[in-house]
Amino acid sequence: MDFEISPTQVKALQKSGETFTLLDVREAWEFEASRIEGAKHIPMGDIPARAHQELDPDDYIVVLCHHGVRSLTVTNWLRQQGYEKVQSMRGGIDGWARTVDPKVPLY
């Protein structure tokens, strides 16, 4: 499985009805400013303390942040912890807003 997935591929997953966890690792103020409906919010700094309690290692997880840097870091960390089906959304919520849903605010 590739480490990254494009926003348009994530949208296609949603449309297909595939079950996956959309994990938003941005800070609380960023999540309040702009979000994708249905995303689970765990700030990047909280991932080590909360991941094993709140995320299922067998689930397919797509991680997103603002531009895709933090989400790639979290994707790498989760894979090291045994989460095999984890991908980072390339371009983050900024890429989502620009290519998939222009109603999502840019910041």
PDB file of N, CA and C in Angstrom:
ATOM      1  N   MET A   1       0.847  -1.183   0.000  1.00  0.00           N
ATOM      2  CA  MET A   1       0.000   0.000   0.000  1.00  0.00           C
ATOM      3  C   MET A   1       0.889   1.243   0.000  1.00  0.00           C
ATOM      4  N   ASP A   2       0.589   2.174  -0.895  1.00  0.00           N
ATOM      5  CA  ASP A   2       1.345   3.427  -0.957  1.00  0.00           C
ATOM      6  C   ASP A   2       1.192   4.193   0.350  1.00  0.00           C
ATOM      7  N   PHE A   3       2.184   5.026   0.655  1.00  0.00           N
ATOM      8  CA  PHE A   3       2.115   5.853   1.855  1.00  0.00           C
ATOM      9  C   PHE A   3       1.154   7.023   1.679  1.00  0.00           C
ATOM     10  N   GLU A   4       0.912   7.424   0.437  1.00  0.00           N
ATOM     11  CA  GLU A   4       0.043   8.575   0.189  1.00  0.00           C
ATOM     12  C   GLU A   4      -1.130   8.213  -0.704  1.00  0.00           C
ATOM     13  N   ILE A   5      -2.208   8.968  -0.536  1.00  0.00           N
ATOM     14  CA  ILE A   5      -3.412   8.839  -1.346  1.00  0.00           C
ATOM     15  C   ILE A   5      -3.856  10.262  -1.688  1.00  0.00           C
ATOM     16  N   SER A   6      -4.386  10.470  -2.878  1.00  0.00           N
ATOM     17  CA  SER A   6      -4.806  11.811  -3.284  1.00  0.00           C
ATOM     18  C   SER A   6      -6.186  12.147  -2.728  1.00  0.00           C
ATOM     19  N   PRO A   7      -6.494  13.440  -2.597  1.00  0.00           N
ATOM     20  CA  PRO A   7      -7.838  13.823  -2.149  1.00  0.00           C
ATOM     21  C   PRO A   7      -8.942  13.242  -3.043  1.00  0.00           C
ATOM     22  N   THR A   8      -8.724  13.203  -4.350  1.00  0.00           N
ATOM     23  CA  THR A   8      -9.753  12.666  -5.240  1.00  0.00           C
ATOM     24  C   THR A   8      -9.946  11.163  -5.016  1.00  0.00           C
ATOM     25  N   GLN A   9      -8.872  10.448  -4.665  1.00  0.00           N
ATOM     26  CA  GLN A   9      -8.995   9.026  -4.352  1.00  0.00           C
ATOM     27  C   GLN A   9      -9.774   8.829  -3.048  1.00  0.00           C
ATOM     28  N   VAL A  10      -9.557   9.727  -2.079  1.00  0.00           N
ATOM     29  CA  VAL A  10     -10.294   9.646  -0.816  1.00  0.00           C
ATOM     30  C   VAL A  10     -11.778   9.884  -1.071  1.00  0.00           C
ATOM     31  N   LYS A  11     -12.094  10.865  -1.905  1.00  0.00           N
ATOM     32  CA  LYS A  11     -13.489  11.140  -2.252  1.00  0.00           C
ATOM     33  C   LYS A  11     -14.117   9.920  -2.924  1.00  0.00           C
ATOM     34  N   ALA A  12     -13.366   9.266  -3.801  1.00  0.00           N
ATOM     35  CA  ALA A  12     -13.866   8.061  -4.471  1.00  0.00           C
ATOM     36  C   ALA A  12     -14.137   6.947  -3.454  1.00  0.00           C
ATOM     37  N   LEU A  13     -13.287   6.828  -2.437  1.00  0.00           N
ATOM     38  CA  LEU A  13     -13.522   5.846  -1.371  1.00  0.00           C
ATOM     39  C   LEU A  13     -14.833   6.139  -0.658  1.00  0.00           C
ATOM     40  N   GLN A  14     -15.059   7.423  -0.342  1.00  0.00           N
ATOM     41  CA  GLN A  14     -16.301   7.819   0.322  1.00  0.00           C
ATOM     42  C   GLN A  14     -17.516   7.451  -0.528  1.00  0.00           C
ATOM     43  N   LYS A  15     -17.444   7.779  -1.812  1.00  0.00           N
ATOM     44  CA  LYS A  15     -18.566   7.510  -2.723  1.00  0.00           C
ATOM     45  C   LYS A  15     -18.827   6.017  -2.875  1.00  0.00           C
ATOM     46  N   SER A  16     -17.760   5.215  -2.827  1.00  0.00           N
ATOM     47  CA  SER A  16     -17.907   3.770  -3.010  1.00  0.00           C
ATOM     48  C   SER A  16     -18.507   3.096  -1.777  1.00  0.00           C
ATOM     49  N   GLY A  17     -18.510   3.833  -0.664  1.00  0.00           N
ATOM     50  CA  GLY A  17     -19.046   3.259   0.561  1.00  0.00           C
ATOM     51  C   GLY A  17     -18.043   2.427   1.336  1.00  0.00           C
ATOM     52  N   GLU A  18     -16.783   2.451   0.893  1.00  0.00           N
ATOM     53  CA  GLU A  18     -15.736   1.709   1.613  1.00  0.00           C
ATOM     54  C   GLU A  18     -15.612   2.259   3.035  1.00  0.00           C
ATOM     55  N   THR A  19     -15.464   1.358   3.989  1.00  0.00           N
ATOM     56  CA  THR A  19     -15.328   1.747   5.379  1.00  0.00           C
ATOM     57  C   THR A  19     -13.874   2.092   5.680  1.00  0.00           C
ATOM     58  N   PHE A  20     -13.640   3.289   6.177  1.00  0.00           N
ATOM     59  CA  PHE A  20     -12.304   3.699   6.591  1.00  0.00           C
ATOM     60  C   PHE A  20     -12.423   4.827   7.610  1.00  0.00           C
ATOM     61  N   THR A  21     -11.359   5.023   8.367  1.00  0.00           N
ATOM     62  CA  THR A  21     -11.310   6.103   9.347  1.00  0.00           C
ATOM     63  C   THR A  21     -10.538   7.263   8.733  1.00  0.00           C
ATOM     64  N   LEU A  22     -11.167   8.430   8.691  1.00  0.00           N
ATOM     65  CA  LEU A  22     -10.494   9.642   8.251  1.00  0.00           C
ATOM     66  C   LEU A  22      -9.989  10.321   9.515  1.00  0.00           C
ATOM     67  N   LEU A  23      -8.684  10.345   9.697  1.00  0.00           N
ATOM     68  CA  LEU A  23      -8.063  10.838  10.924  1.00  0.00           C
ATOM     69  C   LEU A  23      -7.415  12.191  10.680  1.00  0.00           C
ATOM     70  N   ASP A  24      -7.937  13.218  11.339  1.00  0.00           N
ATOM     71  CA  ASP A  24      -7.428  14.585  11.209  1.00  0.00           C
ATOM     72  C   ASP A  24      -6.471  14.847  12.372  1.00  0.00           C
ATOM     73  N   VAL A  25      -5.205  15.115  12.061  1.00  0.00           N
ATOM     74  CA  VAL A  25      -4.182  15.291  13.102  1.00  0.00           C
ATOM     75  C   VAL A  25      -3.773  16.753  13.309  1.00  0.00           C
ATOM     76  N   ARG A  26      -4.592  17.687  12.802  1.00  0.00           N
ATOM     77  CA  ARG A  26      -4.290  19.103  12.985  1.00  0.00           C
ATOM     78  C   ARG A  26      -4.651  19.545  14.407  1.00  0.00           C
ATOM     79  N   GLU A  27      -4.217  20.752  14.752  1.00  0.00           N
ATOM     80  CA  GLU A  27      -4.527  21.313  16.061  1.00  0.00           C
ATOM     81  C   GLU A  27      -6.015  21.657  16.150  1.00  0.00           C
ATOM     82  N   ALA A  28      -6.515  21.811  17.385  1.00  0.00           N
ATOM     83  CA  ALA A  28      -7.938  22.076  17.603  1.00  0.00           C
ATOM     84  C   ALA A  28      -8.424  23.313  16.856  1.00  0.00           C
ATOM     85  N   TRP A  29      -7.630  24.396  16.863  1.00  0.00           N
ATOM     86  CA  TRP A  29      -8.078  25.622  16.186  1.00  0.00           C
ATOM     87  C   TRP A  29      -8.186  25.407  14.679  1.00  0.00           C
ATOM     88  N   GLU A  30      -7.321  24.555  14.120  1.00  0.00           N
ATOM     89  CA  GLU A  30      -7.377  24.271  12.688  1.00  0.00           C
ATOM     90  C   GLU A  30      -8.628  23.450  12.369  1.00  0.00           C
ATOM     91  N   PHE A  31      -8.915  22.479  13.229  1.00  0.00           N
ATOM     92  CA  PHE A  31     -10.086  21.626  13.047  1.00  0.00           C
ATOM     93  C   PHE A  31     -11.366  22.449  13.119  1.00  0.00           C
ATOM     94  N   GLU A  32     -11.388  23.447  14.018  1.00  0.00           N
ATOM     95  CA  GLU A  32     -12.553  24.334  14.128  1.00  0.00           C
ATOM     96  C   GLU A  32     -12.698  25.217  12.884  1.00  0.00           C
ATOM     97  N   ALA A  33     -11.579  25.635  12.313  1.00  0.00           N
ATOM     98  CA  ALA A  33     -11.594  26.548  11.160  1.00  0.00           C
ATOM     99  C   ALA A  33     -12.048  25.866   9.875  1.00  0.00           C
ATOM    100  N   SER A  34     -11.702  24.593   9.731  1.00  0.00           N
ATOM    101  CA  SER A  34     -11.948  23.905   8.468  1.00  0.00           C
ATOM    102  C   SER A  34     -11.864  22.404   8.708  1.00  0.00           C
ATOM    103  N   ARG A  35     -12.899  21.668   8.290  1.00  0.00           N
ATOM    104  CA  ARG A  35     -12.856  20.228   8.514  1.00  0.00           C
ATOM    105  C   ARG A  35     -13.640  19.477   7.446  1.00  0.00           C
ATOM    106  N   ILE A  36     -13.371  18.184   7.364  1.00  0.00           N
ATOM    107  CA  ILE A  36     -14.106  17.289   6.483  1.00  0.00           C
ATOM    108  C   ILE A  36     -15.094  16.535   7.363  1.00  0.00           C
ATOM    109  N   GLU A  37     -16.342  16.564   6.984  1.00  0.00           N
ATOM    110  CA  GLU A  37     -17.407  15.918   7.756  1.00  0.00           C
ATOM    111  C   GLU A  37     -17.072  14.460   8.028  1.00  0.00           C
ATOM    112  N   GLY A  38     -17.223  14.049   9.273  1.00  0.00           N
ATOM    113  CA  GLY A  38     -17.005  12.658   9.643  1.00  0.00           C
ATOM    114  C   GLY A  38     -15.591  12.318  10.070  1.00  0.00           C
ATOM    115  N   ALA A  39     -14.672  13.287   9.990  1.00  0.00           N
ATOM    116  CA  ALA A  39     -13.284  13.014  10.364  1.00  0.00           C
ATOM    117  C   ALA A  39     -13.148  12.876  11.880  1.00  0.00           C
ATOM    118  N   LYS A  40     -12.297  11.967  12.300  1.00  0.00           N
ATOM    119  CA  LYS A  40     -11.960  11.795  13.712  1.00  0.00           C
ATOM    120  C   LYS A  40     -10.777  12.710  14.001  1.00  0.00           C
ATOM    121  N   HIS A  41     -10.869  13.497  15.071  1.00  0.00           N
ATOM    122  CA  HIS A  41      -9.826  14.467  15.380  1.00  0.00           C
ATOM    123  C   HIS A  41      -8.964  14.000  16.548  1.00  0.00           C
ATOM    124  N   ILE A  42      -7.686  13.769  16.269  1.00  0.00           N
ATOM    125  CA  ILE A  42      -6.684  13.535  17.312  1.00  0.00           C
ATOM    126  C   ILE A  42      -5.459  14.359  16.903  1.00  0.00           C
ATOM    127  N   PRO A  43      -5.166  15.463  17.604  1.00  0.00           N
ATOM    128  CA  PRO A  43      -3.993  16.265  17.236  1.00  0.00           C
ATOM    129  C   PRO A  43      -2.720  15.410  17.221  1.00  0.00           C
ATOM    130  N   MET A  44      -1.797  15.758  16.322  1.00  0.00           N
ATOM    131  CA  MET A  44      -0.574  14.986  16.134  1.00  0.00           C
ATOM    132  C   MET A  44       0.150  14.722  17.459  1.00  0.00           C
ATOM    133  N   GLY A  45       0.234  15.718  18.320  1.00  0.00           N
ATOM    134  CA  GLY A  45       0.937  15.556  19.582  1.00  0.00           C
ATOM    135  C   GLY A  45       0.282  14.561  20.526  1.00  0.00           C
ATOM    136  N   ASP A  46      -0.999  14.282  20.315  1.00  0.00           N
ATOM    137  CA  ASP A  46      -1.733  13.339  21.160  1.00  0.00           C
ATOM    138  C   ASP A  46      -1.730  11.912  20.611  1.00  0.00           C
ATOM    139  N   ILE A  47      -1.264  11.737  19.396  1.00  0.00           N
ATOM    140  CA  ILE A  47      -1.315  10.419  18.743  1.00  0.00           C
ATOM    141  C   ILE A  47      -0.621   9.335  19.571  1.00  0.00           C
ATOM    142  N   PRO A  48       0.617   9.542  20.054  1.00  0.00           N
ATOM    143  CA  PRO A  48       1.260   8.455  20.805  1.00  0.00           C
ATOM    144  C   PRO A  48       0.467   8.016  22.039  1.00  0.00           C
ATOM    145  N   ALA A  49      -0.195   8.935  22.715  1.00  0.00           N
ATOM    146  CA  ALA A  49      -0.951   8.602  23.922  1.00  0.00           C
ATOM    147  C   ALA A  49      -2.330   8.026  23.621  1.00  0.00           C
ATOM    148  N   ARG A  50      -2.924   8.401  22.497  1.00  0.00           N
ATOM    149  CA  ARG A  50      -4.317   8.025  22.228  1.00  0.00           C
ATOM    150  C   ARG A  50      -4.515   6.961  21.154  1.00  0.00           C
ATOM    151  N   ALA A  51      -3.540   6.779  20.281  1.00  0.00           N
ATOM    152  CA  ALA A  51      -3.726   5.892  19.121  1.00  0.00           C
ATOM    153  C   ALA A  51      -4.166   4.481  19.518  1.00  0.00           C
ATOM    154  N   HIS A  52      -3.478   3.884  20.469  1.00  0.00           N
ATOM    155  CA  HIS A  52      -3.772   2.489  20.806  1.00  0.00           C
ATOM    156  C   HIS A  52      -5.114   2.326  21.508  1.00  0.00           C
ATOM    157  N   GLN A  53      -5.653   3.400  22.097  1.00  0.00           N
ATOM    158  CA  GLN A  53      -6.965   3.334  22.725  1.00  0.00           C
ATOM    159  C   GLN A  53      -8.093   3.658  21.743  1.00  0.00           C
ATOM    160  N   GLU A  54      -7.821   4.533  20.771  1.00  0.00           N
ATOM    161  CA  GLU A  54      -8.894   5.057  19.931  1.00  0.00           C
ATOM    162  C   GLU A  54      -8.883   4.598  18.477  1.00  0.00           C
ATOM    163  N   LEU A  55      -7.808   3.962  18.053  1.00  0.00           N
ATOM    164  CA  LEU A  55      -7.712   3.511  16.658  1.00  0.00           C
ATOM    165  C   LEU A  55      -7.538   1.997  16.618  1.00  0.00           C
ATOM    166  N   ASP A  56      -8.216   1.360  15.681  1.00  0.00           N
ATOM    167  CA  ASP A  56      -8.119  -0.087  15.518  1.00  0.00           C
ATOM    168  C   ASP A  56      -7.021  -0.398  14.508  1.00  0.00           C
ATOM    169  N   PRO A  57      -6.009  -1.197  14.911  1.00  0.00           N
ATOM    170  CA  PRO A  57      -4.909  -1.502  13.985  1.00  0.00           C
ATOM    171  C   PRO A  57      -5.346  -2.251  12.734  1.00  0.00           C
ATOM    172  N   ASP A  58      -6.548  -2.841  12.767  1.00  0.00           N
ATOM    173  CA  ASP A  58      -7.045  -3.564  11.594  1.00  0.00           C
ATOM    174  C   ASP A  58      -7.821  -2.671  10.630  1.00  0.00           C
ATOM    175  N   ASP A  59      -8.172  -1.460  11.066  1.00  0.00           N
ATOM    176  CA  ASP A  59      -8.934  -0.542  10.212  1.00  0.00           C
ATOM    177  C   ASP A  59      -8.065   0.075   9.129  1.00  0.00           C
ATOM    178  N   TYR A  60      -8.704   0.461   8.063  1.00  0.00           N
ATOM    179  CA  TYR A  60      -8.070   1.269   7.028  1.00  0.00           C
ATOM    180  C   TYR A  60      -8.171   2.716   7.503  1.00  0.00           C
ATOM    181  N   ILE A  61      -7.040   3.399   7.613  1.00  0.00           N
ATOM    182  CA  ILE A  61      -6.997   4.762   8.143  1.00  0.00           C
ATOM    183  C   ILE A  61      -6.356   5.693   7.116  1.00  0.00           C
ATOM    184  N   VAL A  62      -7.031   6.815   6.845  1.00  0.00           N
ATOM    185  CA  VAL A  62      -6.475   7.865   6.001  1.00  0.00           C
ATOM    186  C   VAL A  62      -6.228   9.070   6.912  1.00  0.00           C
ATOM    187  N   VAL A  63      -4.983   9.505   6.980  1.00  0.00           N
ATOM    188  CA  VAL A  63      -4.577  10.593   7.864  1.00  0.00           C
ATOM    189  C   VAL A  63      -4.485  11.890   7.063  1.00  0.00           C
ATOM    190  N   LEU A  64      -5.003  12.989   7.652  1.00  0.00           N
ATOM    191  CA  LEU A  64      -4.885  14.273   6.975  1.00  0.00           C
ATOM    192  C   LEU A  64      -4.445  15.355   7.943  1.00  0.00           C
ATOM    193  N   CYS A  65      -3.811  16.385   7.387  1.00  0.00           N
ATOM    194  CA  CYS A  65      -3.423  17.572   8.149  1.00  0.00           C
ATOM    195  C   CYS A  65      -3.686  18.780   7.249  1.00  0.00           C
ATOM    196  N   HIS A  66      -2.888  19.833   7.371  1.00  0.00           N
ATOM    197  CA  HIS A  66      -3.111  21.028   6.556  1.00  0.00           C
ATOM    198  C   HIS A  66      -2.590  20.843   5.130  1.00  0.00           C
ATOM    199  N   HIS A  67      -1.317  20.465   4.998  1.00  0.00           N
ATOM    200  CA  HIS A  67      -0.721  20.309   3.671  1.00  0.00           C
ATOM    201  C   HIS A  67      -0.149  18.920   3.380  1.00  0.00           C
ATOM    202  N   GLY A  68      -0.150  18.030   4.374  1.00  0.00           N
ATOM    203  CA  GLY A  68       0.308  16.667   4.128  1.00  0.00           C
ATOM    204  C   GLY A  68       1.618  16.276   4.780  1.00  0.00           C
ATOM    205  N   VAL A  69       2.265  17.197   5.506  1.00  0.00           N
ATOM    206  CA  VAL A  69       3.548  16.883   6.140  1.00  0.00           C
ATOM    207  C   VAL A  69       3.332  16.136   7.461  1.00  0.00           C
ATOM    208  N   ARG A  70       2.507  16.703   8.337  1.00  0.00           N
ATOM    209  CA  ARG A  70       2.233  16.041   9.620  1.00  0.00           C
ATOM    210  C   ARG A  70       1.560  14.691   9.411  1.00  0.00           C
ATOM    211  N   SER A  71       0.646  14.623   8.445  1.00  0.00           N
ATOM    212  CA  SER A  71      -0.062  13.356   8.215  1.00  0.00           C
ATOM    213  C   SER A  71       0.888  12.260   7.735  1.00  0.00           C
ATOM    214  N   LEU A  72       1.895  12.625   6.960  1.00  0.00           N
ATOM    215  CA  LEU A  72       2.879  11.633   6.513  1.00  0.00           C
ATOM    216  C   LEU A  72       3.709  11.150   7.701  1.00  0.00           C
ATOM    217  N   THR A  73       4.059  12.058   8.608  1.00  0.00           N
ATOM    218  CA  THR A  73       4.793  11.682   9.823  1.00  0.00           C
ATOM    219  C   THR A  73       3.967  10.722  10.668  1.00  0.00           C
ATOM    220  N   VAL A  74       2.691  11.032  10.853  1.00  0.00           N
ATOM    221  CA  VAL A  74       1.806  10.171  11.644  1.00  0.00           C
ATOM    222  C   VAL A  74       1.609   8.822  10.942  1.00  0.00           C
ATOM    223  N   THR A  75       1.463   8.839   9.627  1.00  0.00           N
ATOM    224  CA  THR A  75       1.325   7.597   8.862  1.00  0.00           C
ATOM    225  C   THR A  75       2.539   6.700   9.099  1.00  0.00           C
ATOM    226  N   ASN A  76       3.729   7.268   9.005  1.00  0.00           N
ATOM    227  CA  ASN A  76       4.957   6.497   9.246  1.00  0.00           C
ATOM    228  C   ASN A  76       4.977   5.924  10.658  1.00  0.00           C
ATOM    229  N   TRP A  77       4.612   6.742  11.644  1.00  0.00           N
ATOM    230  CA  TRP A  77       4.625   6.295  13.041  1.00  0.00           C
ATOM    231  C   TRP A  77       3.624   5.162  13.249  1.00  0.00           C
ATOM    232  N   LEU A  78       2.397   5.334  12.729  1.00  0.00           N
ATOM    233  CA  LEU A  78       1.377   4.301  12.899  1.00  0.00           C
ATOM    234  C   LEU A  78       1.811   2.988  12.252  1.00  0.00           C
ATOM    235  N   ARG A  79       2.421   3.073  11.090  1.00  0.00           N
ATOM    236  CA  ARG A  79       2.882   1.847  10.432  1.00  0.00           C
ATOM    237  C   ARG A  79       3.959   1.164  11.275  1.00  0.00           C
ATOM    238  N   GLN A  80       4.814   1.952  11.907  1.00  0.00           N
ATOM    239  CA  GLN A  80       5.836   1.371  12.790  1.00  0.00           C
ATOM    240  C   GLN A  80       5.202   0.690  14.007  1.00  0.00           C
ATOM    241  N   GLN A  81       4.012   1.133  14.379  1.00  0.00           N
ATOM    242  CA  GLN A  81       3.298   0.555  15.522  1.00  0.00           C
ATOM    243  C   GLN A  81       2.460  -0.662  15.134  1.00  0.00           C
ATOM    244  N   GLY A  82       2.497  -1.054  13.865  1.00  0.00           N
ATOM    245  CA  GLY A  82       1.762  -2.235  13.433  1.00  0.00           C
ATOM    246  C   GLY A  82       0.449  -1.957  12.722  1.00  0.00           C
ATOM    247  N   TYR A  83       0.137  -0.685  12.501  1.00  0.00           N
ATOM    248  CA  TYR A  83      -1.051  -0.334  11.710  1.00  0.00           C
ATOM    249  C   TYR A  83      -0.635  -0.431  10.243  1.00  0.00           C
ATOM    250  N   GLU A  84      -1.097  -1.464   9.565  1.00  0.00           N
ATOM    251  CA  GLU A  84      -0.599  -1.735   8.216  1.00  0.00           C
ATOM    252  C   GLU A  84      -1.348  -0.983   7.117  1.00  0.00           C
ATOM    253  N   LYS A  85      -2.627  -0.673   7.361  1.00  0.00           N
ATOM    254  CA  LYS A  85      -3.452  -0.052   6.314  1.00  0.00           C
ATOM    255  C   LYS A  85      -3.663   1.430   6.621  1.00  0.00           C
ATOM    256  N   VAL A  86      -2.578   2.198   6.552  1.00  0.00           N
ATOM    257  CA  VAL A  86      -2.627   3.629   6.844  1.00  0.00           C
ATOM    258  C   VAL A  86      -2.017   4.385   5.674  1.00  0.00           C
ATOM    259  N   GLN A  87      -2.709   5.444   5.250  1.00  0.00           N
ATOM    260  CA  GLN A  87      -2.193   6.302   4.187  1.00  0.00           C
ATOM    261  C   GLN A  87      -2.373   7.764   4.582  1.00  0.00           C
ATOM    262  N   SER A  88      -1.495   8.601   4.071  1.00  0.00           N
ATOM    263  CA  SER A  88      -1.560  10.039   4.281  1.00  0.00           C
ATOM    264  C   SER A  88      -2.228  10.681   3.065  1.00  0.00           C
ATOM    265  N   MET A  89      -3.170  11.595   3.310  1.00  0.00           N
ATOM    266  CA  MET A  89      -3.804  12.288   2.192  1.00  0.00           C
ATOM    267  C   MET A  89      -2.880  13.401   1.692  1.00  0.00           C
ATOM    268  N   ARG A  90      -2.366  13.216   0.497  1.00  0.00           N
ATOM    269  CA  ARG A  90      -1.438  14.163  -0.123  1.00  0.00           C
ATOM    270  C   ARG A  90      -2.088  15.544  -0.260  1.00  0.00           C
ATOM    271  N   GLY A  91      -1.392  16.576   0.195  1.00  0.00           N
ATOM    272  CA  GLY A  91      -1.906  17.940   0.063  1.00  0.00           C
ATOM    273  C   GLY A  91      -2.809  18.371   1.202  1.00  0.00           C
ATOM    274  N   GLY A  92      -3.192  17.426   2.072  1.00  0.00           N
ATOM    275  CA  GLY A  92      -4.000  17.742   3.245  1.00  0.00           C
ATOM    276  C   GLY A  92      -5.349  18.355   2.925  1.00  0.00           C
ATOM    277  N   ILE A  93      -5.891  19.045   3.929  1.00  0.00           N
ATOM    278  CA  ILE A  93      -7.209  19.647   3.753  1.00  0.00           C
ATOM    279  C   ILE A  93      -7.154  20.781   2.734  1.00  0.00           C
ATOM    280  N   ASP A  94      -5.974  21.370   2.581  1.00  0.00           N
ATOM    281  CA  ASP A  94      -5.802  22.408   1.565  1.00  0.00           C
ATOM    282  C   ASP A  94      -6.019  21.799   0.172  1.00  0.00           C
ATOM    283  N   GLY A  95      -5.418  20.650  -0.073  1.00  0.00           N
ATOM    284  CA  GLY A  95      -5.603  19.962  -1.347  1.00  0.00           C
ATOM    285  C   GLY A  95      -7.039  19.514  -1.555  1.00  0.00           C
ATOM    286  N   TRP A  96      -7.681  19.074  -0.468  1.00  0.00           N
ATOM    287  CA  TRP A  96      -9.090  18.669  -0.529  1.00  0.00           C
ATOM    288  C   TRP A  96      -9.951  19.856  -0.957  1.00  0.00           C
ATOM    289  N   ALA A  97      -9.742  21.005  -0.311  1.00  0.00           N
ATOM    290  CA  ALA A  97     -10.542  22.197  -0.609  1.00  0.00           C
ATOM    291  C   ALA A  97     -10.320  22.672  -2.050  1.00  0.00           C
ATOM    292  N   ARG A  98      -9.110  22.522  -2.544  1.00  0.00           N
ATOM    293  CA  ARG A  98      -8.787  23.000  -3.891  1.00  0.00           C
ATOM    294  C   ARG A  98      -9.228  22.041  -5.000  1.00  0.00           C
ATOM    295  N   THR A  99      -9.309  20.732  -4.703  1.00  0.00           N
ATOM    296  CA  THR A  99      -9.600  19.774  -5.777  1.00  0.00           C
ATOM    297  C   THR A  99     -10.921  19.021  -5.622  1.00  0.00           C
ATOM    298  N   VAL A 100     -11.448  18.926  -4.392  1.00  0.00           N
ATOM    299  CA  VAL A 100     -12.634  18.098  -4.165  1.00  0.00           C
ATOM    300  C   VAL A 100     -13.838  18.917  -3.718  1.00  0.00           C
ATOM    301  N   ASP A 101     -13.662  19.743  -2.688  1.00  0.00           N
ATOM    302  CA  ASP A 101     -14.800  20.456  -2.101  1.00  0.00           C
ATOM    303  C   ASP A 101     -14.447  21.912  -1.820  1.00  0.00           C
ATOM    304  N   PRO A 102     -14.766  22.800  -2.758  1.00  0.00           N
ATOM    305  CA  PRO A 102     -14.418  24.217  -2.586  1.00  0.00           C
ATOM    306  C   PRO A 102     -15.185  24.902  -1.446  1.00  0.00           C
ATOM    307  N   LYS A 103     -16.179  24.226  -0.864  1.00  0.00           N
ATOM    308  CA  LYS A 103     -16.902  24.805   0.273  1.00  0.00           C
ATOM    309  C   LYS A 103     -16.104  24.690   1.567  1.00  0.00           C
ATOM    310  N   VAL A 104     -15.090  23.834   1.587  1.00  0.00           N
ATOM    311  CA  VAL A 104     -14.231  23.708   2.768  1.00  0.00           C
ATOM    312  C   VAL A 104     -13.306  24.933   2.793  1.00  0.00           C
ATOM    313  N   PRO A 105     -13.330  25.698   3.891  1.00  0.00           N
ATOM    314  CA  PRO A 105     -12.531  26.937   3.955  1.00  0.00           C
ATOM    315  C   PRO A 105     -11.032  26.694   3.882  1.00  0.00           C
ATOM    316  N   LEU A 106     -10.354  27.550   3.138  1.00  0.00           N
ATOM    317  CA  LEU A 106      -8.895  27.573   3.112  1.00  0.00           C
ATOM    318  C   LEU A 106      -8.412  28.449   4.254  1.00  0.00           C
ATOM    319  N   TYR A 107      -7.241  28.164   4.757  1.00  0.00           N
ATOM    320  CA  TYR A 107      -6.650  29.019   5.806  1.00  0.00           C
ATOM    321  C   TYR A 107      -5.159  29.006   5.692  1.00  0.00           C
TER     322      TYR A 107
END
